[in-house]
N, C-alpha and C. Protein backbone atom coordinates (compact mmCIF):
# COMPACT_ATOMS: atom_id res chain seq x y z
N MET A 1 -31.73 11.07 -37.35
CA MET A 1 -30.49 10.47 -36.90
C MET A 1 -30.79 9.14 -36.23
N ASP A 2 -29.88 8.20 -36.39
CA ASP A 2 -29.99 6.89 -35.76
C ASP A 2 -30.17 7.08 -34.26
N PRO A 3 -31.21 6.49 -33.68
CA PRO A 3 -31.48 6.72 -32.26
C PRO A 3 -30.37 6.21 -31.33
N VAL A 4 -29.67 5.16 -31.73
CA VAL A 4 -28.59 4.64 -30.89
C VAL A 4 -27.41 5.61 -30.88
N ILE A 5 -27.10 6.18 -32.03
CA ILE A 5 -26.03 7.18 -32.09
C ILE A 5 -26.42 8.39 -31.25
N ALA A 6 -27.65 8.85 -31.40
CA ALA A 6 -28.12 10.01 -30.65
C ALA A 6 -28.07 9.75 -29.15
N GLU A 7 -28.46 8.56 -28.74
CA GLU A 7 -28.48 8.23 -27.32
C GLU A 7 -27.08 8.06 -26.75
N GLN A 8 -26.21 7.36 -27.46
CA GLN A 8 -24.90 7.03 -26.91
C GLN A 8 -23.86 8.13 -27.09
N LEU A 9 -23.94 8.87 -28.19
CA LEU A 9 -22.98 9.94 -28.44
C LEU A 9 -23.57 11.33 -28.21
N GLY A 10 -24.84 11.44 -28.49
CA GLY A 10 -25.49 12.75 -28.46
C GLY A 10 -25.45 13.37 -29.84
N ARG A 11 -26.49 14.09 -30.17
CA ARG A 11 -26.59 14.70 -31.51
C ARG A 11 -25.51 15.74 -31.77
N ALA A 12 -24.98 16.33 -30.70
CA ALA A 12 -23.99 17.39 -30.85
C ALA A 12 -22.56 16.87 -31.03
N HIS A 13 -22.36 15.57 -30.89
CA HIS A 13 -21.00 15.03 -31.06
C HIS A 13 -20.52 15.33 -32.47
N PRO A 14 -19.26 15.76 -32.62
CA PRO A 14 -18.76 16.15 -33.94
C PRO A 14 -18.85 15.06 -35.02
N LEU A 15 -18.83 13.80 -34.63
CA LEU A 15 -18.87 12.72 -35.63
C LEU A 15 -20.26 12.10 -35.80
N ALA A 16 -21.21 12.47 -34.95
CA ALA A 16 -22.52 11.81 -34.95
C ALA A 16 -23.20 11.86 -36.32
N ARG A 17 -23.28 13.02 -36.91
CA ARG A 17 -23.95 13.16 -38.21
C ARG A 17 -23.24 12.34 -39.29
N HIS A 18 -21.90 12.33 -39.25
CA HIS A 18 -21.13 11.59 -40.25
C HIS A 18 -21.32 10.09 -40.09
N LEU A 19 -21.36 9.62 -38.84
CA LEU A 19 -21.61 8.20 -38.61
C LEU A 19 -22.99 7.81 -39.13
N ASP A 20 -23.97 8.65 -38.88
CA ASP A 20 -25.32 8.39 -39.36
C ASP A 20 -25.35 8.33 -40.89
N ASP A 21 -24.68 9.27 -41.54
CA ASP A 21 -24.63 9.28 -43.01
C ASP A 21 -23.91 8.03 -43.54
N PHE A 22 -22.82 7.63 -42.88
CA PHE A 22 -22.07 6.43 -43.28
C PHE A 22 -22.96 5.20 -43.18
N LEU A 23 -23.68 5.07 -42.07
CA LEU A 23 -24.54 3.90 -41.89
C LEU A 23 -25.70 3.90 -42.88
N THR A 24 -26.21 5.07 -43.22
CA THR A 24 -27.26 5.17 -44.24
C THR A 24 -26.72 4.70 -45.58
N ASP A 25 -25.50 5.12 -45.92
CA ASP A 25 -24.89 4.67 -47.18
C ASP A 25 -24.66 3.16 -47.18
N LEU A 26 -24.28 2.60 -46.03
CA LEU A 26 -24.12 1.14 -45.95
C LEU A 26 -25.45 0.45 -46.22
N ALA A 27 -26.52 0.97 -45.64
CA ALA A 27 -27.84 0.39 -45.85
C ALA A 27 -28.23 0.48 -47.33
N ASN A 28 -27.98 1.64 -47.93
CA ASN A 28 -28.31 1.83 -49.35
C ASN A 28 -27.49 0.93 -50.26
N ALA A 29 -26.31 0.55 -49.80
CA ALA A 29 -25.44 -0.34 -50.58
C ALA A 29 -25.80 -1.81 -50.36
N GLY A 30 -26.77 -2.07 -49.49
CA GLY A 30 -27.23 -3.44 -49.29
C GLY A 30 -26.54 -4.18 -48.16
N ALA A 31 -25.81 -3.49 -47.29
CA ALA A 31 -25.18 -4.16 -46.15
C ALA A 31 -26.26 -4.72 -45.24
N SER A 32 -26.00 -5.86 -44.67
CA SER A 32 -27.00 -6.50 -43.81
C SER A 32 -27.21 -5.69 -42.53
N ALA A 33 -28.35 -5.91 -41.92
CA ALA A 33 -28.67 -5.24 -40.65
C ALA A 33 -27.63 -5.61 -39.59
N HIS A 34 -27.16 -6.85 -39.61
CA HIS A 34 -26.14 -7.30 -38.66
C HIS A 34 -24.84 -6.51 -38.85
N THR A 35 -24.42 -6.34 -40.07
CA THR A 35 -23.20 -5.58 -40.36
C THR A 35 -23.35 -4.14 -39.92
N ARG A 36 -24.49 -3.54 -40.21
CA ARG A 36 -24.71 -2.14 -39.83
C ARG A 36 -24.72 -1.96 -38.32
N ARG A 37 -25.35 -2.89 -37.61
CA ARG A 37 -25.36 -2.82 -36.14
C ARG A 37 -23.94 -2.96 -35.58
N ALA A 38 -23.17 -3.90 -36.13
CA ALA A 38 -21.81 -4.12 -35.65
C ALA A 38 -20.94 -2.89 -35.92
N TYR A 39 -21.02 -2.36 -37.13
CA TYR A 39 -20.23 -1.16 -37.46
C TYR A 39 -20.68 0.03 -36.62
N ARG A 40 -21.98 0.16 -36.39
CA ARG A 40 -22.47 1.26 -35.56
C ARG A 40 -21.86 1.17 -34.17
N SER A 41 -21.88 0.00 -33.59
CA SER A 41 -21.32 -0.20 -32.25
C SER A 41 -19.83 0.13 -32.23
N ASP A 42 -19.10 -0.38 -33.21
CA ASP A 42 -17.65 -0.15 -33.28
C ASP A 42 -17.33 1.33 -33.49
N LEU A 43 -18.09 1.98 -34.34
CA LEU A 43 -17.81 3.39 -34.64
C LEU A 43 -18.25 4.32 -33.51
N ILE A 44 -19.28 3.94 -32.77
CA ILE A 44 -19.65 4.72 -31.59
C ILE A 44 -18.51 4.66 -30.57
N ALA A 45 -17.93 3.48 -30.40
CA ALA A 45 -16.79 3.34 -29.48
C ALA A 45 -15.62 4.19 -29.95
N PHE A 46 -15.37 4.19 -31.25
CA PHE A 46 -14.29 5.01 -31.78
C PHE A 46 -14.59 6.50 -31.59
N ALA A 47 -15.81 6.91 -31.88
CA ALA A 47 -16.18 8.32 -31.74
C ALA A 47 -16.12 8.77 -30.28
N ALA A 48 -16.41 7.88 -29.35
CA ALA A 48 -16.29 8.22 -27.94
C ALA A 48 -14.83 8.49 -27.59
N HIS A 49 -13.94 7.84 -28.31
CA HIS A 49 -12.50 8.04 -28.11
C HIS A 49 -12.02 9.30 -28.82
N HIS A 50 -12.59 9.59 -29.99
CA HIS A 50 -12.18 10.74 -30.81
C HIS A 50 -13.32 11.76 -30.83
N GLY A 51 -13.26 12.72 -29.98
CA GLY A 51 -14.34 13.70 -29.86
C GLY A 51 -14.12 14.96 -30.67
N GLU A 52 -13.28 14.90 -31.68
CA GLU A 52 -12.96 16.07 -32.49
C GLU A 52 -13.76 16.04 -33.79
N GLU A 53 -13.69 17.14 -34.52
CA GLU A 53 -14.31 17.23 -35.85
C GLU A 53 -13.67 16.21 -36.78
N ILE A 54 -14.38 15.84 -37.81
CA ILE A 54 -13.88 14.82 -38.73
C ILE A 54 -12.58 15.27 -39.42
N ALA A 55 -12.40 16.56 -39.64
CA ALA A 55 -11.18 17.05 -40.28
C ALA A 55 -9.95 16.78 -39.41
N GLU A 56 -10.16 16.57 -38.12
CA GLU A 56 -9.06 16.28 -37.19
C GLU A 56 -8.74 14.79 -37.12
N LEU A 57 -9.42 14.00 -37.91
CA LEU A 57 -9.21 12.56 -37.91
C LEU A 57 -7.94 12.25 -38.69
N THR A 58 -6.86 12.06 -37.95
CA THR A 58 -5.56 11.75 -38.53
C THR A 58 -5.11 10.39 -38.03
N ALA A 59 -3.92 10.01 -38.44
CA ALA A 59 -3.39 8.72 -38.01
C ALA A 59 -3.18 8.65 -36.50
N ALA A 60 -2.82 9.76 -35.86
CA ALA A 60 -2.53 9.75 -34.42
C ALA A 60 -3.71 9.27 -33.57
N PRO A 61 -4.91 9.85 -33.71
CA PRO A 61 -6.01 9.35 -32.89
C PRO A 61 -6.44 7.93 -33.26
N VAL A 62 -6.29 7.57 -34.52
CA VAL A 62 -6.63 6.20 -34.91
C VAL A 62 -5.66 5.23 -34.26
N ARG A 63 -4.36 5.56 -34.30
CA ARG A 63 -3.35 4.70 -33.64
C ARG A 63 -3.63 4.57 -32.14
N ALA A 64 -3.98 5.69 -31.50
CA ALA A 64 -4.26 5.67 -30.07
C ALA A 64 -5.44 4.75 -29.77
N TYR A 65 -6.48 4.84 -30.59
CA TYR A 65 -7.65 3.99 -30.40
C TYR A 65 -7.29 2.52 -30.61
N LEU A 66 -6.56 2.23 -31.67
CA LEU A 66 -6.19 0.84 -31.96
C LEU A 66 -5.26 0.29 -30.88
N ALA A 67 -4.43 1.14 -30.29
CA ALA A 67 -3.55 0.69 -29.21
C ALA A 67 -4.37 0.22 -28.01
N GLU A 68 -5.49 0.88 -27.75
CA GLU A 68 -6.36 0.46 -26.66
C GLU A 68 -6.99 -0.90 -26.94
N LEU A 69 -7.06 -1.25 -28.20
CA LEU A 69 -7.68 -2.53 -28.60
C LEU A 69 -6.64 -3.62 -28.82
N ALA A 70 -5.42 -3.37 -28.40
CA ALA A 70 -4.30 -4.27 -28.71
C ALA A 70 -4.54 -5.70 -28.27
N GLU A 71 -5.34 -5.90 -27.22
CA GLU A 71 -5.57 -7.26 -26.74
C GLU A 71 -6.52 -8.03 -27.65
N LEU A 72 -7.19 -7.33 -28.55
CA LEU A 72 -8.10 -8.00 -29.47
C LEU A 72 -7.33 -8.57 -30.66
N SER A 73 -7.97 -9.40 -31.39
CA SER A 73 -7.36 -10.00 -32.57
C SER A 73 -6.88 -8.91 -33.53
N PRO A 74 -5.71 -9.08 -34.13
CA PRO A 74 -5.21 -8.09 -35.09
C PRO A 74 -6.17 -7.86 -36.26
N ALA A 75 -6.94 -8.87 -36.60
CA ALA A 75 -7.88 -8.76 -37.71
C ALA A 75 -9.24 -8.29 -37.20
N SER A 76 -9.23 -7.49 -36.20
CA SER A 76 -10.44 -7.05 -35.53
C SER A 76 -11.42 -6.33 -36.45
N ARG A 77 -12.68 -6.61 -36.23
CA ARG A 77 -13.74 -5.93 -36.97
C ARG A 77 -13.74 -4.44 -36.65
N LYS A 78 -13.32 -4.08 -35.45
CA LYS A 78 -13.28 -2.67 -35.05
C LYS A 78 -12.33 -1.89 -35.95
N ARG A 79 -11.21 -2.48 -36.26
CA ARG A 79 -10.26 -1.83 -37.17
C ARG A 79 -10.88 -1.69 -38.55
N ALA A 80 -11.57 -2.73 -39.00
CA ALA A 80 -12.21 -2.69 -40.31
C ALA A 80 -13.29 -1.62 -40.37
N ALA A 81 -14.02 -1.45 -39.28
CA ALA A 81 -15.08 -0.42 -39.24
C ALA A 81 -14.47 0.97 -39.37
N VAL A 82 -13.40 1.23 -38.64
CA VAL A 82 -12.74 2.54 -38.72
C VAL A 82 -12.15 2.74 -40.11
N ALA A 83 -11.56 1.70 -40.68
CA ALA A 83 -10.99 1.81 -42.03
C ALA A 83 -12.08 2.11 -43.06
N SER A 84 -13.21 1.44 -42.96
CA SER A 84 -14.31 1.68 -43.90
C SER A 84 -14.86 3.09 -43.75
N PHE A 85 -15.00 3.55 -42.52
CA PHE A 85 -15.49 4.90 -42.27
C PHE A 85 -14.52 5.94 -42.83
N ALA A 86 -13.22 5.74 -42.62
CA ALA A 86 -12.22 6.69 -43.13
C ALA A 86 -12.23 6.71 -44.66
N LYS A 87 -12.34 5.56 -45.27
CA LYS A 87 -12.39 5.49 -46.74
C LYS A 87 -13.63 6.21 -47.26
N TRP A 88 -14.75 6.00 -46.60
CA TRP A 88 -16.00 6.68 -46.96
C TRP A 88 -15.83 8.19 -46.83
N ALA A 89 -15.20 8.65 -45.74
CA ALA A 89 -15.00 10.09 -45.51
C ALA A 89 -14.14 10.72 -46.60
N VAL A 90 -13.15 10.00 -47.08
CA VAL A 90 -12.31 10.52 -48.19
C VAL A 90 -13.15 10.60 -49.46
N ARG A 91 -13.93 9.57 -49.75
CA ARG A 91 -14.77 9.58 -50.95
C ARG A 91 -15.78 10.72 -50.94
N HIS A 92 -16.21 11.12 -49.75
CA HIS A 92 -17.19 12.20 -49.62
C HIS A 92 -16.55 13.55 -49.33
N ASP A 93 -15.25 13.64 -49.58
CA ASP A 93 -14.49 14.90 -49.41
C ASP A 93 -14.58 15.48 -48.00
N LEU A 94 -14.72 14.61 -47.01
CA LEU A 94 -14.71 15.05 -45.62
C LEU A 94 -13.30 15.00 -45.04
N LEU A 95 -12.47 14.16 -45.65
CA LEU A 95 -11.05 14.05 -45.30
C LEU A 95 -10.23 14.17 -46.57
N ASN A 96 -9.10 14.83 -46.48
CA ASN A 96 -8.22 14.95 -47.64
C ASN A 96 -7.45 13.66 -47.89
N THR A 97 -7.03 13.02 -46.80
CA THR A 97 -6.29 11.76 -46.92
C THR A 97 -6.85 10.75 -45.94
N ASN A 98 -6.66 9.50 -46.24
CA ASN A 98 -7.14 8.44 -45.38
C ASN A 98 -6.10 8.17 -44.30
N PRO A 99 -6.44 8.37 -43.03
CA PRO A 99 -5.47 8.14 -41.96
C PRO A 99 -5.02 6.69 -41.87
N MET A 100 -5.82 5.78 -42.36
CA MET A 100 -5.45 4.36 -42.32
C MET A 100 -4.28 4.05 -43.25
N ASP A 101 -4.04 4.93 -44.24
CA ASP A 101 -2.90 4.73 -45.14
C ASP A 101 -1.57 4.87 -44.40
N ARG A 102 -1.58 5.54 -43.26
CA ARG A 102 -0.36 5.76 -42.49
C ARG A 102 -0.21 4.78 -41.33
N ILE A 103 -1.10 3.81 -41.28
CA ILE A 103 -1.07 2.83 -40.20
C ILE A 103 -0.76 1.47 -40.79
N ASP A 104 0.27 0.85 -40.25
CA ASP A 104 0.68 -0.46 -40.75
C ASP A 104 -0.41 -1.48 -40.49
N THR A 105 -0.59 -2.34 -41.46
CA THR A 105 -1.53 -3.43 -41.25
C THR A 105 -0.83 -4.50 -40.43
N VAL A 106 -1.60 -5.18 -39.67
CA VAL A 106 -1.06 -6.22 -38.81
C VAL A 106 -1.25 -7.55 -39.52
N LYS A 107 -0.16 -8.26 -39.68
CA LYS A 107 -0.23 -9.58 -40.31
C LYS A 107 -0.57 -10.62 -39.26
N VAL A 108 -1.59 -11.39 -39.56
CA VAL A 108 -1.98 -12.47 -38.66
C VAL A 108 -1.17 -13.69 -39.06
N PRO A 109 -0.43 -14.27 -38.11
CA PRO A 109 0.38 -15.43 -38.46
C PRO A 109 -0.50 -16.60 -38.90
N LYS A 110 -0.08 -17.23 -39.96
CA LYS A 110 -0.84 -18.37 -40.45
C LYS A 110 -0.39 -19.60 -39.68
N THR A 111 -1.35 -20.40 -39.33
CA THR A 111 -1.03 -21.65 -38.63
C THR A 111 -1.34 -22.80 -39.57
N LEU A 112 -0.55 -23.83 -39.44
CA LEU A 112 -0.78 -25.02 -40.25
C LEU A 112 -1.90 -25.83 -39.61
N PRO A 113 -2.67 -26.51 -40.45
CA PRO A 113 -3.73 -27.35 -39.87
C PRO A 113 -3.11 -28.48 -39.05
N ARG A 114 -3.75 -28.83 -37.98
CA ARG A 114 -3.26 -29.93 -37.16
C ARG A 114 -3.81 -31.24 -37.72
N PRO A 115 -2.97 -32.26 -37.73
CA PRO A 115 -3.46 -33.55 -38.25
C PRO A 115 -4.49 -34.13 -37.30
N PRO A 116 -5.41 -34.90 -37.85
CA PRO A 116 -6.41 -35.52 -36.98
C PRO A 116 -5.74 -36.50 -36.02
N THR A 117 -6.31 -36.65 -34.87
CA THR A 117 -5.75 -37.61 -33.92
C THR A 117 -6.20 -39.00 -34.32
N SER A 118 -5.29 -39.93 -34.17
CA SER A 118 -5.64 -41.31 -34.51
C SER A 118 -6.31 -41.96 -33.30
N PRO A 119 -7.11 -42.97 -33.55
CA PRO A 119 -7.81 -43.62 -32.43
C PRO A 119 -6.82 -44.21 -31.41
N ARG A 120 -5.63 -44.65 -31.87
CA ARG A 120 -4.66 -45.24 -30.97
C ARG A 120 -4.10 -44.21 -29.98
N SER A 121 -3.89 -42.98 -30.46
CA SER A 121 -3.27 -41.98 -29.59
C SER A 121 -4.23 -41.47 -28.52
N SER A 122 -5.51 -41.77 -28.63
CA SER A 122 -6.45 -41.28 -27.63
C SER A 122 -6.56 -42.25 -26.45
N ARG A 123 -5.88 -43.39 -26.49
CA ARG A 123 -5.97 -44.36 -25.40
C ARG A 123 -5.07 -44.02 -24.28
């Protein structure tokens, strides 16, 4: 088991083994070490929030976790990590349905580029 998962969650945590398997699959798929470290950190935080078995992973605990992150950017990597983990769990028959399918995506408002400042306006 990943030593960081074991240290921060403990080997007995209901999601620890699944997180380790997910990260192993990411490595086997060629994900960079940086991506794996970031996802590991994000998913450990999520697992600390959701201490139930993976079968209990529904939209409700995911919504509760995301609500705690509301001050972060809507396009947060933490949300992407949970979404990737849930999709992986469905593919591996650990979940019947993806809880992220019941959670609305947050649209990030697009901003128009600002025109460059002219030398005259800086005086």
